[in-house]
Amino acid sequence: METPTYIALSRQLGLVRNMEVVANNLANANTNGFKAEGMVFSEYLIPAERPVELSYVQDLATWRDQREGELQPTGNDLDLAIQGEGWFVVQGPEGPIYTRNGRFQLNAAGEVVNQAGYPVLAGGAPVIVNPEDGPLNVSADGMLSADVTQGGNVPVIYGQLDVVTFADDQLLKPVGASGFTSEQPAQPAVANTFKVQQRMLEGSNVRTILEMTSMIQVQRSYQSIQRFLEGEHDRMRRAVNYIIPSS
């Protein structure tokens, strides 16, 4: 196999990975708290026995679009969105999971949990709410409370939701559609950098039209390289037939 073919194949492999990322973005265009991803490519140079090095395509990693998704009203007391910096913390089976998807609910024990049933943490522990206390209130700093009206207006404080930040959000590792784990230490979010919005959900930040345009461009590039490879294969076949004529 000649050098142009290797170079073309390296580009094709990168395009396949790029298509996987674009397809995943489109599949999660309606997933609350989802952050779109993109590909990072680089030029990989290989020394050759000639004045010019050989240049290959190498897909290094994915990057994450950290733009805030559109906040959407729901009317549900346990639907929460973070406006600004920060991540909610839920207790996963193997450690904390960080998410911007605030579609929460109560389990049979009265714990606030996410859609997977993992407890949402407040002060590092699950938070328990008694629905009989009255309507749930969530303040801008994440404090959960209710006003008990039976026999008087007595506030009940359940706890303050953990909202954390990281030195570099790009180092977070995805878990599922809208969750992340981290090897970095989590830091409590600074109070004036975020607001918890009750009865709201953060939508996906995927820009559907741009992703569909990107998908078309990737498909065209892949097909163009495929035509080149087919031409190279035909050229090699004709060269071999010329050197070694068939009897």
C-alpha atoms as a PDB file:
ATOM      1  CA  MET A   1       0.000   0.000   0.000  1.00  0.00           C
ATOM      2  CA  GLU A   2       1.460   3.369  -1.026  1.00  0.00           C
ATOM      3  CA  THR A   3       1.842   6.476   1.108  1.00  0.00           C
ATOM      4  CA  PRO A   4      -1.111   8.436  -0.415  1.00  0.00           C
ATOM      5  CA  THR A   5      -3.410   5.567   0.504  1.00  0.00           C
ATOM      6  CA  TYR A   6      -2.203   5.516   4.116  1.00  0.00           C
ATOM      7  CA  ILE A   7      -2.706   9.278   4.378  1.00  0.00           C
ATOM      8  CA  ALA A   8      -6.209   9.046   2.898  1.00  0.00           C
ATOM      9  CA  LEU A   9      -7.133   6.203   5.253  1.00  0.00           C
ATOM     10  CA  SER A  10      -5.947   8.224   8.262  1.00  0.00           C
ATOM     11  CA  ARG A  11      -8.286  11.010   7.181  1.00  0.00           C
ATOM     12  CA  GLN A  12     -11.157   8.568   6.688  1.00  0.00           C
ATOM     13  CA  LEU A  13     -10.710   7.149  10.185  1.00  0.00           C
ATOM     14  CA  GLY A  14     -10.837  10.677  11.581  1.00  0.00           C
ATOM     15  CA  LEU A  15     -14.035  11.374   9.642  1.00  0.00           C
ATOM     16  CA  VAL A  16     -15.647   8.202  11.007  1.00  0.00           C
ATOM     17  CA  ARG A  17     -14.916   9.368  14.552  1.00  0.00           C
ATOM     18  CA  ASN A  18     -16.177  12.846  13.691  1.00  0.00           C
ATOM     19  CA  MET A  19     -19.428  11.381  12.361  1.00  0.00           C
ATOM     20  CA  GLU A  20     -19.906   9.430  15.609  1.00  0.00           C
ATOM     21  CA  VAL A  21     -19.585  12.655  17.613  1.00  0.00           C
ATOM     22  CA  VAL A  22     -21.998  14.571  15.356  1.00  0.00           C
ATOM     23  CA  ALA A  23     -24.530  11.717  15.452  1.00  0.00           C
ATOM     24  CA  ASN A  24     -24.340  11.615  19.254  1.00  0.00           C
ATOM     25  CA  ASN A  25     -24.935  15.371  19.420  1.00  0.00           C
ATOM     26  CA  LEU A  26     -28.021  15.097  17.230  1.00  0.00           C
ATOM     27  CA  ALA A  27     -29.324  12.115  19.218  1.00  0.00           C
ATOM     28  CA  ASN A  28     -29.154  14.233  22.388  1.00  0.00           C
ATOM     29  CA  ALA A  29     -30.554  17.460  20.962  1.00  0.00           C
ATOM     30  CA  ASN A  30     -33.518  17.115  23.365  1.00  0.00           C
ATOM     31  CA  THR A  31     -31.600  15.759  26.377  1.00  0.00           C
ATOM     32  CA  ASN A  32     -31.727  18.146  29.338  1.00  0.00           C
ATOM     33  CA  GLY A  33     -28.315  19.428  30.372  1.00  0.00           C
ATOM     34  CA  PHE A  34     -26.495  17.800  27.441  1.00  0.00           C
ATOM     35  CA  LYS A  35     -23.301  19.508  26.268  1.00  0.00           C
ATOM     36  CA  ALA A  36     -22.393  19.180  22.594  1.00  0.00           C
ATOM     37  CA  GLU A  37     -18.967  17.819  21.680  1.00  0.00           C
ATOM     38  CA  GLY A  38     -16.585  18.420  18.799  1.00  0.00           C
ATOM     39  CA  MET A  39     -13.434  16.766  17.489  1.00  0.00           C
ATOM     40  CA  VAL A  40      -9.839  17.920  17.909  1.00  0.00           C
ATOM     41  CA  PHE A  41      -7.605  16.921  14.994  1.00  0.00           C
ATOM     42  CA  SER A  42      -3.876  17.387  14.555  1.00  0.00           C
ATOM     43  CA  GLU A  43      -1.237  16.886  11.892  1.00  0.00           C
ATOM     44  CA  TYR A  44       0.958  13.879  12.616  1.00  0.00           C
ATOM     45  CA  LEU A  45       4.349  14.047  10.888  1.00  0.00           C
ATOM     46  CA  ILE A  46       6.375  10.927  10.123  1.00  0.00           C
ATOM     47  CA  PRO A  47      10.035  11.227   9.034  1.00  0.00           C
ATOM     48  CA  ALA A  48      10.580   9.917   5.524  1.00  0.00           C
ATOM     49  CA  GLU A  49      13.572   9.241   3.313  1.00  0.00           C
ATOM     50  CA  ARG A  50      12.956  12.445   1.417  1.00  0.00           C
ATOM     51  CA  PRO A  51      13.209  16.204   2.110  1.00  0.00           C
ATOM     52  CA  VAL A  52       9.508  16.464   3.057  1.00  0.00           C
ATOM     53  CA  GLU A  53       7.967  14.634   6.025  1.00  0.00           C
ATOM     54  CA  LEU A  54       4.777  12.626   5.582  1.00  0.00           C
ATOM     55  CA  SER A  55       1.695  14.327   7.054  1.00  0.00           C
ATOM     56  CA  TYR A  56      -1.099  12.176   8.524  1.00  0.00           C
ATOM     57  CA  VAL A  57      -4.383  13.108  10.213  1.00  0.00           C
ATOM     58  CA  GLN A  58      -4.719  12.211  13.891  1.00  0.00           C
ATOM     59  CA  ASP A  59      -7.858  12.632  16.007  1.00  0.00           C
ATOM     60  CA  LEU A  60      -6.576  13.669  19.417  1.00  0.00           C
ATOM     61  CA  ALA A  61      -9.698  14.015  21.528  1.00  0.00           C
ATOM     62  CA  THR A  62     -13.110  15.589  21.838  1.00  0.00           C
ATOM     63  CA  TRP A  63     -13.829  19.014  23.273  1.00  0.00           C
ATOM     64  CA  ARG A  64     -17.029  20.004  25.038  1.00  0.00           C
ATOM     65  CA  ASP A  65     -19.142  23.069  24.331  1.00  0.00           C
ATOM     66  CA  GLN A  66     -19.766  24.552  27.781  1.00  0.00           C
ATOM     67  CA  ARG A  67     -22.290  27.144  26.657  1.00  0.00           C
ATOM     68  CA  GLU A  68     -25.392  27.230  28.814  1.00  0.00           C
ATOM     69  CA  GLY A  69     -28.459  25.645  27.240  1.00  0.00           C
ATOM     70  CA  GLU A  70     -31.764  27.488  27.041  1.00  0.00           C
ATOM     71  CA  LEU A  71     -33.766  27.474  30.279  1.00  0.00           C
ATOM     72  CA  GLN A  72     -37.228  26.019  29.766  1.00  0.00           C
ATOM     73  CA  PRO A  73     -40.143  26.481  32.237  1.00  0.00           C
ATOM     74  CA  THR A  74     -41.898  23.287  33.346  1.00  0.00           C
ATOM     75  CA  GLY A  75     -44.066  24.163  36.359  1.00  0.00           C
ATOM     76  CA  ASN A  76     -42.701  21.142  38.267  1.00  0.00           C
ATOM     77  CA  ASP A  77     -41.431  22.000  41.777  1.00  0.00           C
ATOM     78  CA  LEU A  78     -38.547  19.516  41.511  1.00  0.00           C
ATOM     79  CA  ASP A  79     -37.333  20.650  38.088  1.00  0.00           C
ATOM     80  CA  LEU A  80     -34.230  22.742  38.713  1.00  0.00           C
ATOM     81  CA  ALA A  81     -31.759  24.536  36.469  1.00  0.00           C
ATOM     82  CA  ILE A  82     -28.446  26.217  37.213  1.00  0.00           C
ATOM     83  CA  GLN A  83     -28.100  29.646  35.671  1.00  0.00           C
ATOM     84  CA  GLY A  84     -24.385  30.395  35.503  1.00  0.00           C
ATOM     85  CA  GLU A  85     -21.527  28.182  36.657  1.00  0.00           C
ATOM     86  CA  GLY A  86     -21.792  24.915  38.529  1.00  0.00           C
ATOM     87  CA  TRP A  87     -22.981  21.324  38.585  1.00  0.00           C
ATOM     88  CA  PHE A  88     -25.500  19.434  40.699  1.00  0.00           C
ATOM     89  CA  VAL A  89     -24.076  16.409  42.524  1.00  0.00           C
ATOM     90  CA  VAL A  90     -25.791  13.012  42.635  1.00  0.00           C
ATOM     91  CA  GLN A  91     -24.502   9.890  44.357  1.00  0.00           C
ATOM     92  CA  GLY A  92     -23.813   7.267  41.704  1.00  0.00           C
ATOM     93  CA  PRO A  93     -22.997   3.602  42.355  1.00  0.00           C
ATOM     94  CA  GLU A  94     -19.249   4.256  42.017  1.00  0.00           C
ATOM     95  CA  GLY A  95     -19.012   7.785  43.361  1.00  0.00           C
ATOM     96  CA  PRO A  96     -20.367  11.273  42.734  1.00  0.00           C
ATOM     97  CA  ILE A  97     -21.806  12.169  39.339  1.00  0.00           C
ATOM     98  CA  TYR A  98     -22.000  15.795  38.252  1.00  0.00           C
ATOM     99  CA  THR A  99     -24.820  17.029  36.053  1.00  0.00           C
ATOM    100  CA  ARG A 100     -26.683  20.076  34.766  1.00  0.00           C
ATOM    101  CA  ASN A 101     -29.813  17.985  34.224  1.00  0.00           C
ATOM    102  CA  GLY A 102     -32.059  18.997  37.104  1.00  0.00           C
ATOM    103  CA  ARG A 103     -35.070  16.814  36.331  1.00  0.00           C
ATOM    104  CA  PHE A 104     -35.478  15.460  39.862  1.00  0.00           C
ATOM    105  CA  GLN A 105     -38.218  13.543  41.664  1.00  0.00           C
ATOM    106  CA  LEU A 106     -38.982  11.904  45.021  1.00  0.00           C
ATOM    107  CA  ASN A 107     -38.518   8.194  45.636  1.00  0.00           C
ATOM    108  CA  ALA A 108     -40.591   6.106  48.048  1.00  0.00           C
ATOM    109  CA  ALA A 109     -38.370   7.167  50.963  1.00  0.00           C
ATOM    110  CA  GLY A 110     -38.852  10.865  50.222  1.00  0.00           C
ATOM    111  CA  GLU A 111     -35.323  11.301  48.868  1.00  0.00           C
ATOM    112  CA  VAL A 112     -34.752  13.720  46.019  1.00  0.00           C
ATOM    113  CA  VAL A 113     -33.324  11.597  43.191  1.00  0.00           C
ATOM    114  CA  ASN A 114     -32.513  11.983  39.508  1.00  0.00           C
ATOM    115  CA  GLN A 115     -34.162  10.032  36.693  1.00  0.00           C
ATOM    116  CA  ALA A 116     -31.806   7.089  37.270  1.00  0.00           C
ATOM    117  CA  GLY A 117     -32.828   6.946  40.940  1.00  0.00           C
ATOM    118  CA  TYR A 118     -29.518   8.289  42.279  1.00  0.00           C
ATOM    119  CA  PRO A 119     -29.830  10.556  45.352  1.00  0.00           C
ATOM    120  CA  VAL A 120     -29.223  14.264  44.868  1.00  0.00           C
ATOM    121  CA  LEU A 121     -26.746  15.506  47.469  1.00  0.00           C
ATOM    122  CA  ALA A 122     -27.105  18.408  49.882  1.00  0.00           C
ATOM    123  CA  GLY A 123     -24.192  18.890  52.245  1.00  0.00           C
ATOM    124  CA  GLY A 124     -22.702  15.648  50.948  1.00  0.00           C
ATOM    125  CA  ALA A 125     -25.743  13.556  51.923  1.00  0.00           C
ATOM    126  CA  PRO A 126     -29.100  12.639  50.365  1.00  0.00           C
ATOM    127  CA  VAL A 127     -31.824  15.194  51.000  1.00  0.00           C
ATOM    128  CA  ILE A 128     -35.220  13.997  52.242  1.00  0.00           C
ATOM    129  CA  VAL A 129     -38.402  15.975  51.629  1.00  0.00           C
ATOM    130  CA  ASN A 130     -41.787  15.426  53.266  1.00  0.00           C
ATOM    131  CA  PRO A 131     -44.500  16.236  50.687  1.00  0.00           C
ATOM    132  CA  GLU A 132     -47.020  16.712  53.509  1.00  0.00           C
ATOM    133  CA  ASP A 133     -45.096  19.759  54.748  1.00  0.00           C
ATOM    134  CA  GLY A 134     -46.412  21.824  51.869  1.00  0.00           C
ATOM    135  CA  PRO A 135     -45.173  23.138  48.516  1.00  0.00           C
ATOM    136  CA  LEU A 136     -41.418  22.859  48.023  1.00  0.00           C
ATOM    137  CA  ASN A 137     -39.410  26.065  47.742  1.00  0.00           C
ATOM    138  CA  VAL A 138     -35.913  26.229  46.257  1.00  0.00           C
ATOM    139  CA  SER A 139     -33.981  29.463  46.692  1.00  0.00           C
ATOM    140  CA  ALA A 140     -31.389  30.875  44.299  1.00  0.00           C
ATOM    141  CA  ASP A 141     -28.563  29.391  46.394  1.00  0.00           C
ATOM    142  CA  GLY A 142     -30.125  25.919  46.298  1.00  0.00           C
ATOM    143  CA  MET A 143     -31.761  25.876  49.738  1.00  0.00           C
ATOM    144  CA  LEU A 144     -34.732  23.471  49.885  1.00  0.00           C
ATOM    145  CA  SER A 145     -37.537  24.388  52.269  1.00  0.00           C
ATOM    146  CA  ALA A 146     -41.291  24.311  52.815  1.00  0.00           C
ATOM    147  CA  ASP A 147     -43.757  26.419  54.776  1.00  0.00           C
ATOM    148  CA  VAL A 148     -45.871  24.267  57.074  1.00  0.00           C
ATOM    149  CA  THR A 149     -49.254  25.964  57.276  1.00  0.00           C
ATOM    150  CA  GLN A 150     -51.004  23.531  59.618  1.00  0.00           C
ATOM    151  CA  GLY A 151     -51.306  25.371  62.904  1.00  0.00           C
ATOM    152  CA  GLY A 152     -49.136  28.231  61.704  1.00  0.00           C
ATOM    153  CA  ASN A 153     -46.630  29.243  59.074  1.00  0.00           C
ATOM    154  CA  VAL A 154     -43.478  27.414  60.184  1.00  0.00           C
ATOM    155  CA  PRO A 155     -40.575  27.107  57.733  1.00  0.00           C
ATOM    156  CA  VAL A 156     -38.948  23.685  57.387  1.00  0.00           C
ATOM    157  CA  ILE A 157     -35.403  23.585  56.017  1.00  0.00           C
ATOM    158  CA  TYR A 158     -34.384  20.357  54.265  1.00  0.00           C
ATOM    159  CA  GLY A 159     -30.880  21.308  53.200  1.00  0.00           C
ATOM    160  CA  GLN A 160     -28.846  23.213  50.637  1.00  0.00           C
ATOM    161  CA  LEU A 161     -28.090  21.456  47.376  1.00  0.00           C
ATOM    162  CA  ASP A 162     -24.442  20.899  46.552  1.00  0.00           C
ATOM    163  CA  VAL A 163     -23.460  23.020  43.547  1.00  0.00           C
ATOM    164  CA  VAL A 164     -19.808  22.608  42.599  1.00  0.00           C
ATOM    165  CA  THR A 165     -17.294  23.808  40.031  1.00  0.00           C
ATOM    166  CA  PHE A 166     -13.990  22.529  38.650  1.00  0.00           C
ATOM    167  CA  ALA A 167     -10.733  24.097  37.547  1.00  0.00           C
ATOM    168  CA  ASP A 168     -11.209  22.682  34.025  1.00  0.00           C
ATOM    169  CA  ASP A 169     -14.610  21.394  32.908  1.00  0.00           C
ATOM    170  CA  GLN A 170     -13.023  19.917  29.769  1.00  0.00           C
ATOM    171  CA  LEU A 171     -11.392  17.222  31.928  1.00  0.00           C
ATOM    172  CA  LEU A 172     -14.747  15.855  33.104  1.00  0.00           C
ATOM    173  CA  LYS A 173     -15.484  12.341  31.853  1.00  0.00           C
ATOM    174  CA  PRO A 174     -18.988  11.690  30.477  1.00  0.00           C
ATOM    175  CA  VAL A 175     -21.279   9.149  32.136  1.00  0.00           C
ATOM    176  CA  GLY A 176     -24.500   8.547  30.247  1.00  0.00           C
ATOM    177  CA  ALA A 177     -26.085  11.390  28.305  1.00  0.00           C
ATOM    178  CA  SER A 178     -25.761  14.286  30.763  1.00  0.00           C
ATOM    179  CA  GLY A 179     -23.617  13.112  33.684  1.00  0.00           C
ATOM    180  CA  PHE A 180     -19.892  13.402  34.350  1.00  0.00           C
ATOM    181  CA  THR A 181     -17.268  12.096  36.732  1.00  0.00           C
ATOM    182  CA  SER A 182     -14.049  13.841  37.651  1.00  0.00           C
ATOM    183  CA  GLU A 183     -10.609  13.087  39.016  1.00  0.00           C
ATOM    184  CA  GLN A 184     -10.282  16.780  39.871  1.00  0.00           C
ATOM    185  CA  PRO A 185     -11.361  17.971  43.307  1.00  0.00           C
ATOM    186  CA  ALA A 186     -14.795  19.603  43.256  1.00  0.00           C
ATOM    187  CA  GLN A 187     -15.049  23.084  44.767  1.00  0.00           C
ATOM    188  CA  PRO A 188     -18.245  24.683  46.123  1.00  0.00           C
ATOM    189  CA  ALA A 189     -19.572  27.175  43.587  1.00  0.00           C
ATOM    190  CA  VAL A 190     -19.147  30.825  44.549  1.00  0.00           C
ATOM    191  CA  ALA A 191     -22.538  32.229  45.536  1.00  0.00           C
ATOM    192  CA  ASN A 192     -22.629  35.148  43.089  1.00  0.00           C
ATOM    193  CA  THR A 193     -21.657  33.034  40.044  1.00  0.00           C
ATOM    194  CA  PHE A 194     -24.840  30.952  39.840  1.00  0.00           C
ATOM    195  CA  LYS A 195     -28.561  30.875  40.584  1.00  0.00           C
ATOM    196  CA  VAL A 196     -30.717  27.790  41.001  1.00  0.00           C
ATOM    197  CA  GLN A 197     -33.930  28.329  39.064  1.00  0.00           C
ATOM    198  CA  GLN A 198     -36.933  26.338  40.302  1.00  0.00           C
ATOM    199  CA  ARG A 199     -39.528  24.916  37.888  1.00  0.00           C
ATOM    200  CA  MET A 200     -37.036  25.278  35.045  1.00  0.00           C
ATOM    201  CA  LEU A 201     -34.827  22.861  33.119  1.00  0.00           C
ATOM    202  CA  GLU A 202     -31.697  23.572  31.115  1.00  0.00           C
ATOM    203  CA  GLY A 203     -32.071  22.273  27.589  1.00  0.00           C
ATOM    204  CA  SER A 204     -29.367  20.769  25.420  1.00  0.00           C
ATOM    205  CA  ASN A 205     -26.963  23.300  23.892  1.00  0.00           C
ATOM    206  CA  VAL A 206     -26.791  21.358  20.610  1.00  0.00           C
ATOM    207  CA  ARG A 207     -27.304  23.649  17.603  1.00  0.00           C
ATOM    208  CA  THR A 208     -29.216  21.237  15.405  1.00  0.00           C
ATOM    209  CA  ILE A 209     -28.858  23.071  12.087  1.00  0.00           C
ATOM    210  CA  LEU A 210     -25.088  23.409  12.503  1.00  0.00           C
ATOM    211  CA  GLU A 211     -24.767  19.737  13.436  1.00  0.00           C
ATOM    212  CA  MET A 212     -26.789  18.660  10.399  1.00  0.00           C
ATOM    213  CA  THR A 213     -24.607  20.867   8.194  1.00  0.00           C
ATOM    214  CA  SER A 214     -21.519  19.312   9.748  1.00  0.00           C
ATOM    215  CA  MET A 215     -22.905  15.827   9.099  1.00  0.00           C
ATOM    216  CA  ILE A 216     -23.376  16.629   5.400  1.00  0.00           C
ATOM    217  CA  GLN A 217     -19.830  18.019   5.176  1.00  0.00           C
ATOM    218  CA  VAL A 218     -18.370  14.920   6.833  1.00  0.00           C
ATOM    219  CA  GLN A 219     -20.311  12.637   4.490  1.00  0.00           C
ATOM    220  CA  ARG A 220     -19.100  14.535   1.427  1.00  0.00           C
ATOM    221  CA  SER A 221     -15.489  14.484   2.617  1.00  0.00           C
ATOM    222  CA  TYR A 222     -15.683  10.753   3.311  1.00  0.00           C
ATOM    223  CA  GLN A 223     -17.160  10.046  -0.121  1.00  0.00           C
ATOM    224  CA  SER A 224     -14.490  12.189  -1.792  1.00  0.00           C
ATOM    225  CA  ILE A 225     -11.717  10.231  -0.086  1.00  0.00           C
ATOM    226  CA  GLN A 226     -13.443   6.971  -0.959  1.00  0.00           C
ATOM    227  CA  ARG A 227     -13.419   7.948  -4.637  1.00  0.00           C
ATOM    228  CA  PHE A 228      -9.717   8.777  -4.357  1.00  0.00           C
ATOM    229  CA  LEU A 229      -8.982   5.392  -2.772  1.00  0.00           C
ATOM    230  CA  GLU A 230     -10.928   3.599  -5.480  1.00  0.00           C
ATOM    231  CA  GLY A 231      -8.935   5.523  -8.096  1.00  0.00           C
ATOM    232  CA  GLU A 232      -5.666   4.584  -6.382  1.00  0.00           C
ATOM    233  CA  HIS A 233      -6.713   0.944  -6.277  1.00  0.00           C
ATOM    234  CA  ASP A 234      -7.526   1.043  -9.986  1.00  0.00           C
ATOM    235  CA  ARG A 235      -4.206   2.735 -10.763  1.00  0.00           C
ATOM    236  CA  MET A 236      -2.275   0.064  -8.840  1.00  0.00           C
ATOM    237  CA  ARG A 237      -4.214  -2.697 -10.572  1.00  0.00           C
ATOM    238  CA  ARG A 238      -3.424  -1.282 -14.004  1.00  0.00           C
ATOM    239  CA  ALA A 239       0.243  -0.850 -13.059  1.00  0.00           C
ATOM    240  CA  VAL A 240       0.494  -4.475 -11.934  1.00  0.00           C
ATOM    241  CA  ASN A 241      -1.231  -5.673 -15.110  1.00  0.00           C
ATOM    242  CA  TYR A 242       1.205  -3.616 -17.174  1.00  0.00           C
ATOM    243  CA  ILE A 243       4.266  -5.030 -15.397  1.00  0.00           C
ATOM    244  CA  ILE A 244       2.941  -8.580 -15.225  1.00  0.00           C
ATOM    245  CA  PRO A 245       0.674  -9.062 -18.229  1.00  0.00           C
ATOM    246  CA  SER A 246      -1.931 -11.757 -17.842  1.00  0.00           C
ATOM    247  CA  SER A 247      -1.337 -14.754 -20.088  1.00  0.00           C
END
